[in-house]
Amino acid sequence: MLKILGDECDACWHCSLKFVIFVMQLDYLFVLTRNFWEMQALVVLRAMLEYKLQYLLPLLSYLLFSFESDLLK
């Protein structure tokens, strides 16, 4: 996955690459708990990586922020 991202990386993807890697590391958490916010974030991440729709990054950021807020409660 990382190699694919590196090969396809342009300036915008390069800036968000660390964020995407961080989200990919949360995959184990998605599998373990399967709550609503986590599954929504996973769906958006897969769509973003598969179709390279860069406008989905703000939506993914919003979903993860909401998920992190739920964890902190």
PDB file of N, CA and C in Angstrom:
ATOM      1  N   MET A   1       0.833  -1.194   0.000  1.00  0.00           N
ATOM      2  CA  MET A   1       0.000   0.000   0.000  1.00  0.00           C
ATOM      3  C   MET A   1       0.872   1.250   0.000  1.00  0.00           C
ATOM      4  N   LEU A   2       1.880   1.240   0.848  1.00  0.00           N
ATOM      5  CA  LEU A   2       2.744   2.406   0.946  1.00  0.00           C
ATOM      6  C   LEU A   2       3.476   2.659  -0.366  1.00  0.00           C
ATOM      7  N   LYS A   3       3.943   1.567  -1.002  1.00  0.00           N
ATOM      8  CA  LYS A   3       4.653   1.714  -2.263  1.00  0.00           C
ATOM      9  C   LYS A   3       3.731   2.289  -3.328  1.00  0.00           C
ATOM     10  N   ILE A   4       2.488   1.834  -3.341  1.00  0.00           N
ATOM     11  CA  ILE A   4       1.518   2.357  -4.304  1.00  0.00           C
ATOM     12  C   ILE A   4       1.314   3.849  -4.074  1.00  0.00           C
ATOM     13  N   LEU A   5       1.145   4.236  -2.813  1.00  0.00           N
ATOM     14  CA  LEU A   5       0.968   5.655  -2.513  1.00  0.00           C
ATOM     15  C   LEU A   5       2.192   6.456  -2.919  1.00  0.00           C
ATOM     16  N   GLY A   6       3.381   5.906  -2.656  1.00  0.00           N
ATOM     17  CA  GLY A   6       4.610   6.611  -3.007  1.00  0.00           C
ATOM     18  C   GLY A   6       4.739   6.797  -4.509  1.00  0.00           C
ATOM     19  N   ASP A   7       4.367   5.771  -5.270  1.00  0.00           N
ATOM     20  CA  ASP A   7       4.466   5.861  -6.724  1.00  0.00           C
ATOM     21  C   ASP A   7       3.473   6.866  -7.297  1.00  0.00           C
ATOM     22  N   GLU A   8       2.303   6.963  -6.682  1.00  0.00           N
ATOM     23  CA  GLU A   8       1.256   7.828  -7.202  1.00  0.00           C
ATOM     24  C   GLU A   8       1.277   9.235  -6.610  1.00  0.00           C
ATOM     25  N   CYS A   9       2.227   9.468  -5.697  1.00  0.00           N
ATOM     26  CA  CYS A   9       2.218  10.697  -4.900  1.00  0.00           C
ATOM     27  C   CYS A   9       2.484  11.937  -5.753  1.00  0.00           C
ATOM     28  N   ASP A  10       1.585  12.934  -5.631  1.00  0.00           N
ATOM     29  CA  ASP A  10       1.881  14.257  -6.160  1.00  0.00           C
ATOM     30  C   ASP A  10       1.971  15.201  -4.967  1.00  0.00           C
ATOM     31  N   ALA A  11       2.040  16.487  -5.183  1.00  0.00           N
ATOM     32  CA  ALA A  11       2.269  17.425  -4.079  1.00  0.00           C
ATOM     33  C   ALA A  11       1.196  17.313  -2.997  1.00  0.00           C
ATOM     34  N   CYS A  12      -0.059  17.234  -3.382  1.00  0.00           N
ATOM     35  CA  CYS A  12      -1.138  17.167  -2.402  1.00  0.00           C
ATOM     36  C   CYS A  12      -1.076  15.865  -1.613  1.00  0.00           C
ATOM     37  N   TRP A  13      -0.860  14.756  -2.316  1.00  0.00           N
ATOM     38  CA  TRP A  13      -0.764  13.467  -1.632  1.00  0.00           C
ATOM     39  C   TRP A  13       0.449  13.431  -0.721  1.00  0.00           C
ATOM     40  N   HIS A  14       1.534  14.049  -1.135  1.00  0.00           N
ATOM     41  CA  HIS A  14       2.748  14.032  -0.319  1.00  0.00           C
ATOM     42  C   HIS A  14       2.493  14.699   1.025  1.00  0.00           C
ATOM     43  N   CYS A  15       1.742  15.795   1.017  1.00  0.00           N
ATOM     44  CA  CYS A  15       1.441  16.516   2.257  1.00  0.00           C
ATOM     45  C   CYS A  15       0.562  15.695   3.184  1.00  0.00           C
ATOM     46  N   SER A  16      -0.311  14.878   2.637  1.00  0.00           N
ATOM     47  CA  SER A  16      -1.254  14.126   3.467  1.00  0.00           C
ATOM     48  C   SER A  16      -0.812  12.686   3.700  1.00  0.00           C
ATOM     49  N   LEU A  17       0.366  12.313   3.204  1.00  0.00           N
ATOM     50  CA  LEU A  17       0.794  10.916   3.274  1.00  0.00           C
ATOM     51  C   LEU A  17       0.934  10.434   4.715  1.00  0.00           C
ATOM     52  N   LYS A  18       1.538  11.242   5.590  1.00  0.00           N
ATOM     53  CA  LYS A  18       1.691  10.824   6.988  1.00  0.00           C
ATOM     54  C   LYS A  18       0.333  10.619   7.649  1.00  0.00           C
ATOM     55  N   PHE A  19      -0.609  11.482   7.333  1.00  0.00           N
ATOM     56  CA  PHE A  19      -1.955  11.347   7.891  1.00  0.00           C
ATOM     57  C   PHE A  19      -2.600  10.041   7.435  1.00  0.00           C
ATOM     58  N   VAL A  20      -2.464   9.727   6.155  1.00  0.00           N
ATOM     59  CA  VAL A  20      -3.056   8.504   5.616  1.00  0.00           C
ATOM     60  C   VAL A  20      -2.414   7.282   6.257  1.00  0.00           C
ATOM     61  N   ILE A  21      -1.097   7.303   6.446  1.00  0.00           N
ATOM     62  CA  ILE A  21      -0.411   6.184   7.092  1.00  0.00           C
ATOM     63  C   ILE A  21      -0.921   6.007   8.519  1.00  0.00           C
ATOM     64  N   PHE A  22      -1.107   7.118   9.235  1.00  0.00           N
ATOM     65  CA  PHE A  22      -1.637   7.054  10.597  1.00  0.00           C
ATOM     66  C   PHE A  22      -3.016   6.404  10.608  1.00  0.00           C
ATOM     67  N   VAL A  23      -3.860   6.780   9.664  1.00  0.00           N
ATOM     68  CA  VAL A  23      -5.206   6.206   9.594  1.00  0.00           C
ATOM     69  C   VAL A  23      -5.132   4.716   9.300  1.00  0.00           C
ATOM     70  N   MET A  24      -4.218   4.318   8.415  1.00  0.00           N
ATOM     71  CA  MET A  24      -4.080   2.910   8.085  1.00  0.00           C
ATOM     72  C   MET A  24      -3.655   2.100   9.310  1.00  0.00           C
ATOM     73  N   GLN A  25      -2.887   2.707  10.199  1.00  0.00           N
ATOM     74  CA  GLN A  25      -2.463   2.013  11.411  1.00  0.00           C
ATOM     75  C   GLN A  25      -3.626   1.779  12.363  1.00  0.00           C
ATOM     76  N   LEU A  26      -4.711   2.515  12.201  1.00  0.00           N
ATOM     77  CA  LEU A  26      -5.887   2.325  13.053  1.00  0.00           C
ATOM     78  C   LEU A  26      -6.736   1.132  12.624  1.00  0.00           C
ATOM     79  N   ASP A  27      -6.315   0.428  11.578  1.00  0.00           N
ATOM     80  CA  ASP A  27      -7.117  -0.672  11.038  1.00  0.00           C
ATOM     81  C   ASP A  27      -7.413  -1.734  12.093  1.00  0.00           C
ATOM     82  N   TYR A  28      -6.440  -2.047  12.949  1.00  0.00           N
ATOM     83  CA  TYR A  28      -6.669  -3.038  13.999  1.00  0.00           C
ATOM     84  C   TYR A  28      -7.774  -2.583  14.942  1.00  0.00           C
ATOM     85  N   LEU A  29      -7.797  -1.299  15.253  1.00  0.00           N
ATOM     86  CA  LEU A  29      -8.831  -0.756  16.125  1.00  0.00           C
ATOM     87  C   LEU A  29     -10.204  -0.859  15.462  1.00  0.00           C
ATOM     88  N   PHE A  30     -10.268  -0.622  14.150  1.00  0.00           N
ATOM     89  CA  PHE A  30     -11.530  -0.756  13.428  1.00  0.00           C
ATOM     90  C   PHE A  30     -12.068  -2.183  13.569  1.00  0.00           C
ATOM     91  N   VAL A  31     -11.186  -3.162  13.409  1.00  0.00           N
ATOM     92  CA  VAL A  31     -11.604  -4.560  13.449  1.00  0.00           C
ATOM     93  C   VAL A  31     -12.055  -4.948  14.858  1.00  0.00           C
ATOM     94  N   LEU A  32     -11.384  -4.427  15.882  1.00  0.00           N
ATOM     95  CA  LEU A  32     -11.695  -4.817  17.256  1.00  0.00           C
ATOM     96  C   LEU A  32     -13.002  -4.230  17.772  1.00  0.00           C
ATOM     97  N   THR A  33     -13.275  -2.975  17.494  1.00  0.00           N
ATOM     98  CA  THR A  33     -14.419  -2.342  18.139  1.00  0.00           C
ATOM     99  C   THR A  33     -15.617  -2.129  17.226  1.00  0.00           C
ATOM    100  N   ARG A  34     -15.384  -1.844  15.983  1.00  0.00           N
ATOM    101  CA  ARG A  34     -16.456  -1.709  14.980  1.00  0.00           C
ATOM    102  C   ARG A  34     -17.568  -0.748  15.387  1.00  0.00           C
ATOM    103  N   ASN A  35     -17.217   0.418  15.901  1.00  0.00           N
ATOM    104  CA  ASN A  35     -18.295   1.373  16.175  1.00  0.00           C
ATOM    105  C   ASN A  35     -18.563   2.220  14.935  1.00  0.00           C
ATOM    106  N   PHE A  36     -19.607   3.026  14.981  1.00  0.00           N
ATOM    107  CA  PHE A  36     -20.081   3.745  13.792  1.00  0.00           C
ATOM    108  C   PHE A  36     -19.011   4.641  13.182  1.00  0.00           C
ATOM    109  N   TRP A  37     -18.361   5.486  14.009  1.00  0.00           N
ATOM    110  CA  TRP A  37     -17.402   6.446  13.463  1.00  0.00           C
ATOM    111  C   TRP A  37     -16.213   5.748  12.831  1.00  0.00           C
ATOM    112  N   GLU A  38     -15.764   4.662  13.457  1.00  0.00           N
ATOM    113  CA  GLU A  38     -14.611   3.948  12.925  1.00  0.00           C
ATOM    114  C   GLU A  38     -14.928   3.336  11.564  1.00  0.00           C
ATOM    115  N   MET A  39     -16.095   2.734  11.433  1.00  0.00           N
ATOM    116  CA  MET A  39     -16.447   2.107  10.168  1.00  0.00           C
ATOM    117  C   MET A  39     -16.634   3.152   9.069  1.00  0.00           C
ATOM    118  N   GLN A  40     -17.217   4.299   9.407  1.00  0.00           N
ATOM    119  CA  GLN A  40     -17.377   5.360   8.415  1.00  0.00           C
ATOM    120  C   GLN A  40     -16.016   5.857   7.940  1.00  0.00           C
ATOM    121  N   ALA A  41     -15.094   6.037   8.869  1.00  0.00           N
ATOM    122  CA  ALA A  41     -13.758   6.503   8.500  1.00  0.00           C
ATOM    123  C   ALA A  41     -13.061   5.482   7.613  1.00  0.00           C
ATOM    124  N   LEU A  42     -13.228   4.198   7.898  1.00  0.00           N
ATOM    125  CA  LEU A  42     -12.598   3.158   7.097  1.00  0.00           C
ATOM    126  C   LEU A  42     -13.162   3.147   5.679  1.00  0.00           C
ATOM    127  N   VAL A  43     -14.466   3.305   5.548  1.00  0.00           N
ATOM    128  CA  VAL A  43     -15.099   3.343   4.227  1.00  0.00           C
ATOM    129  C   VAL A  43     -14.574   4.524   3.414  1.00  0.00           C
ATOM    130  N   VAL A  44     -14.487   5.697   4.051  1.00  0.00           N
ATOM    131  CA  VAL A  44     -14.000   6.885   3.349  1.00  0.00           C
ATOM    132  C   VAL A  44     -12.540   6.715   2.964  1.00  0.00           C
ATOM    133  N   LEU A  45     -11.733   6.145   3.854  1.00  0.00           N
ATOM    134  CA  LEU A  45     -10.315   5.929   3.556  1.00  0.00           C
ATOM    135  C   LEU A  45     -10.146   5.004   2.362  1.00  0.00           C
ATOM    136  N   ARG A  46     -10.899   3.912   2.342  1.00  0.00           N
ATOM    137  CA  ARG A  46     -10.792   2.987   1.212  1.00  0.00           C
ATOM    138  C   ARG A  46     -11.181   3.665  -0.100  1.00  0.00           C
ATOM    139  N   ALA A  47     -12.247   4.462  -0.069  1.00  0.00           N
ATOM    140  CA  ALA A  47     -12.666   5.177  -1.273  1.00  0.00           C
ATOM    141  C   ALA A  47     -11.592   6.160  -1.711  1.00  0.00           C
ATOM    142  N   MET A  48     -11.002   6.867  -0.753  1.00  0.00           N
ATOM    143  CA  MET A  48      -9.982   7.859  -1.080  1.00  0.00           C
ATOM    144  C   MET A  48      -8.771   7.191  -1.719  1.00  0.00           C
ATOM    145  N   LEU A  49      -8.336   6.059  -1.158  1.00  0.00           N
ATOM    146  CA  LEU A  49      -7.159   5.382  -1.692  1.00  0.00           C
ATOM    147  C   LEU A  49      -7.454   4.721  -3.030  1.00  0.00           C
ATOM    148  N   GLU A  50      -8.653   4.156  -3.166  1.00  0.00           N
ATOM    149  CA  GLU A  50      -8.992   3.447  -4.396  1.00  0.00           C
ATOM    150  C   GLU A  50      -9.197   4.406  -5.561  1.00  0.00           C
ATOM    151  N   TYR A  51      -9.924   5.467  -5.351  1.00  0.00           N
ATOM    152  CA  TYR A  51     -10.273   6.381  -6.431  1.00  0.00           C
ATOM    153  C   TYR A  51      -9.428   7.645  -6.447  1.00  0.00           C
ATOM    154  N   LYS A  52      -8.575   7.824  -5.410  1.00  0.00           N
ATOM    155  CA  LYS A  52      -7.691   8.987  -5.319  1.00  0.00           C
ATOM    156  C   LYS A  52      -8.475  10.298  -5.400  1.00  0.00           C
ATOM    157  N   LEU A  53      -9.602  10.337  -4.713  1.00  0.00           N
ATOM    158  CA  LEU A  53     -10.404  11.562  -4.681  1.00  0.00           C
ATOM    159  C   LEU A  53      -9.909  12.432  -3.541  1.00  0.00           C
ATOM    160  N   GLN A  54      -9.107  13.410  -3.866  1.00  0.00           N
ATOM    161  CA  GLN A  54      -8.426  14.183  -2.835  1.00  0.00           C
ATOM    162  C   GLN A  54      -9.387  15.034  -2.012  1.00  0.00           C
ATOM    163  N   TYR A  55     -10.570  15.303  -2.531  1.00  0.00           N
ATOM    164  CA  TYR A  55     -11.519  16.103  -1.757  1.00  0.00           C
ATOM    165  C   TYR A  55     -12.105  15.328  -0.591  1.00  0.00           C
ATOM    166  N   LEU A  56     -11.881  14.016  -0.528  1.00  0.00           N
ATOM    167  CA  LEU A  56     -12.382  13.234   0.595  1.00  0.00           C
ATOM    168  C   LEU A  56     -11.527  13.386   1.851  1.00  0.00           C
ATOM    169  N   LEU A  57     -10.306  13.922   1.719  1.00  0.00           N
ATOM    170  CA  LEU A  57      -9.438  14.061   2.887  1.00  0.00           C
ATOM    171  C   LEU A  57     -10.057  14.921   3.987  1.00  0.00           C
ATOM    172  N   PRO A  58     -10.663  16.081   3.673  1.00  0.00           N
ATOM    173  CA  PRO A  58     -11.308  16.846   4.750  1.00  0.00           C
ATOM    174  C   PRO A  58     -12.446  16.076   5.428  1.00  0.00           C
ATOM    175  N   LEU A  59     -13.204  15.305   4.659  1.00  0.00           N
ATOM    176  CA  LEU A  59     -14.280  14.507   5.244  1.00  0.00           C
ATOM    177  C   LEU A  59     -13.713  13.442   6.170  1.00  0.00           C
ATOM    178  N   LEU A  60     -12.650  12.788   5.737  1.00  0.00           N
ATOM    179  CA  LEU A  60     -12.004  11.786   6.571  1.00  0.00           C
ATOM    180  C   LEU A  60     -11.453  12.414   7.845  1.00  0.00           C
ATOM    181  N   SER A  61     -10.868  13.585   7.719  1.00  0.00           N
ATOM    182  CA  SER A  61     -10.353  14.294   8.894  1.00  0.00           C
ATOM    183  C   SER A  61     -11.479  14.579   9.877  1.00  0.00           C
ATOM    184  N   TYR A  62     -12.617  15.010   9.364  1.00  0.00           N
ATOM    185  CA  TYR A  62     -13.774  15.292  10.222  1.00  0.00           C
ATOM    186  C   TYR A  62     -14.242  14.032  10.947  1.00  0.00           C
ATOM    187  N   LEU A  63     -14.335  12.927  10.208  1.00  0.00           N
ATOM    188  CA  LEU A  63     -14.796  11.686  10.822  1.00  0.00           C
ATOM    189  C   LEU A  63     -13.840  11.209  11.902  1.00  0.00           C
ATOM    190  N   LEU A  64     -12.542  11.305  11.635  1.00  0.00           N
ATOM    191  CA  LEU A  64     -11.571  10.871  12.631  1.00  0.00           C
ATOM    192  C   LEU A  64     -11.561  11.790  13.835  1.00  0.00           C
ATOM    193  N   PHE A  65     -11.741  13.082  13.615  1.00  0.00           N
ATOM    194  CA  PHE A  65     -11.811  14.015  14.736  1.00  0.00           C
ATOM    195  C   PHE A  65     -13.005  13.674  15.626  1.00  0.00           C
ATOM    196  N   SER A  66     -14.131  13.356  15.004  1.00  0.00           N
ATOM    197  CA  SER A  66     -15.317  12.970  15.769  1.00  0.00           C
ATOM    198  C   SER A  66     -15.067  11.678  16.533  1.00  0.00           C
ATOM    199  N   PHE A  67     -14.392  10.739  15.879  1.00  0.00           N
ATOM    200  CA  PHE A  67     -14.062   9.466  16.519  1.00  0.00           C
ATOM    201  C   PHE A  67     -13.150   9.688  17.723  1.00  0.00           C
ATOM    202  N   GLU A  68     -12.117  10.525  17.561  1.00  0.00           N
ATOM    203  CA  GLU A  68     -11.204  10.805  18.664  1.00  0.00           C
ATOM    204  C   GLU A  68     -11.934  11.522  19.796  1.00  0.00           C
ATOM    205  N   SER A  69     -12.853  12.402  19.459  1.00  0.00           N
ATOM    206  CA  SER A  69     -13.632  13.094  20.487  1.00  0.00           C
ATOM    207  C   SER A  69     -14.459  12.100  21.295  1.00  0.00           C
ATOM    208  N   ASP A  70     -15.017  11.092  20.609  1.00  0.00           N
ATOM    209  CA  ASP A  70     -15.782  10.060  21.311  1.00  0.00           C
ATOM    210  C   ASP A  70     -14.894   9.261  22.255  1.00  0.00           C
ATOM    211  N   LEU A  71     -13.658   9.004  21.844  1.00  0.00           N
ATOM    212  CA  LEU A  71     -12.739   8.251  22.695  1.00  0.00           C
ATOM    213  C   LEU A  71     -12.356   9.030  23.947  1.00  0.00           C
ATOM    214  N   LEU A  72     -12.254  10.348  23.814  1.00  0.00           N
ATOM    215  CA  LEU A  72     -11.823  11.173  24.940  1.00  0.00           C
ATOM    216  C   LEU A  72     -12.919  11.399  25.971  1.00  0.00           C
ATOM    217  N   LYS A  73     -14.158  11.091  25.614  1.00  0.00           N
ATOM    218  CA  LYS A  73     -15.280  11.307  26.551  1.00  0.00           C
ATOM    219  C   LYS A  73     -15.255  10.300  27.684  1.00  0.00           C
TER     220      LYS A  73
END
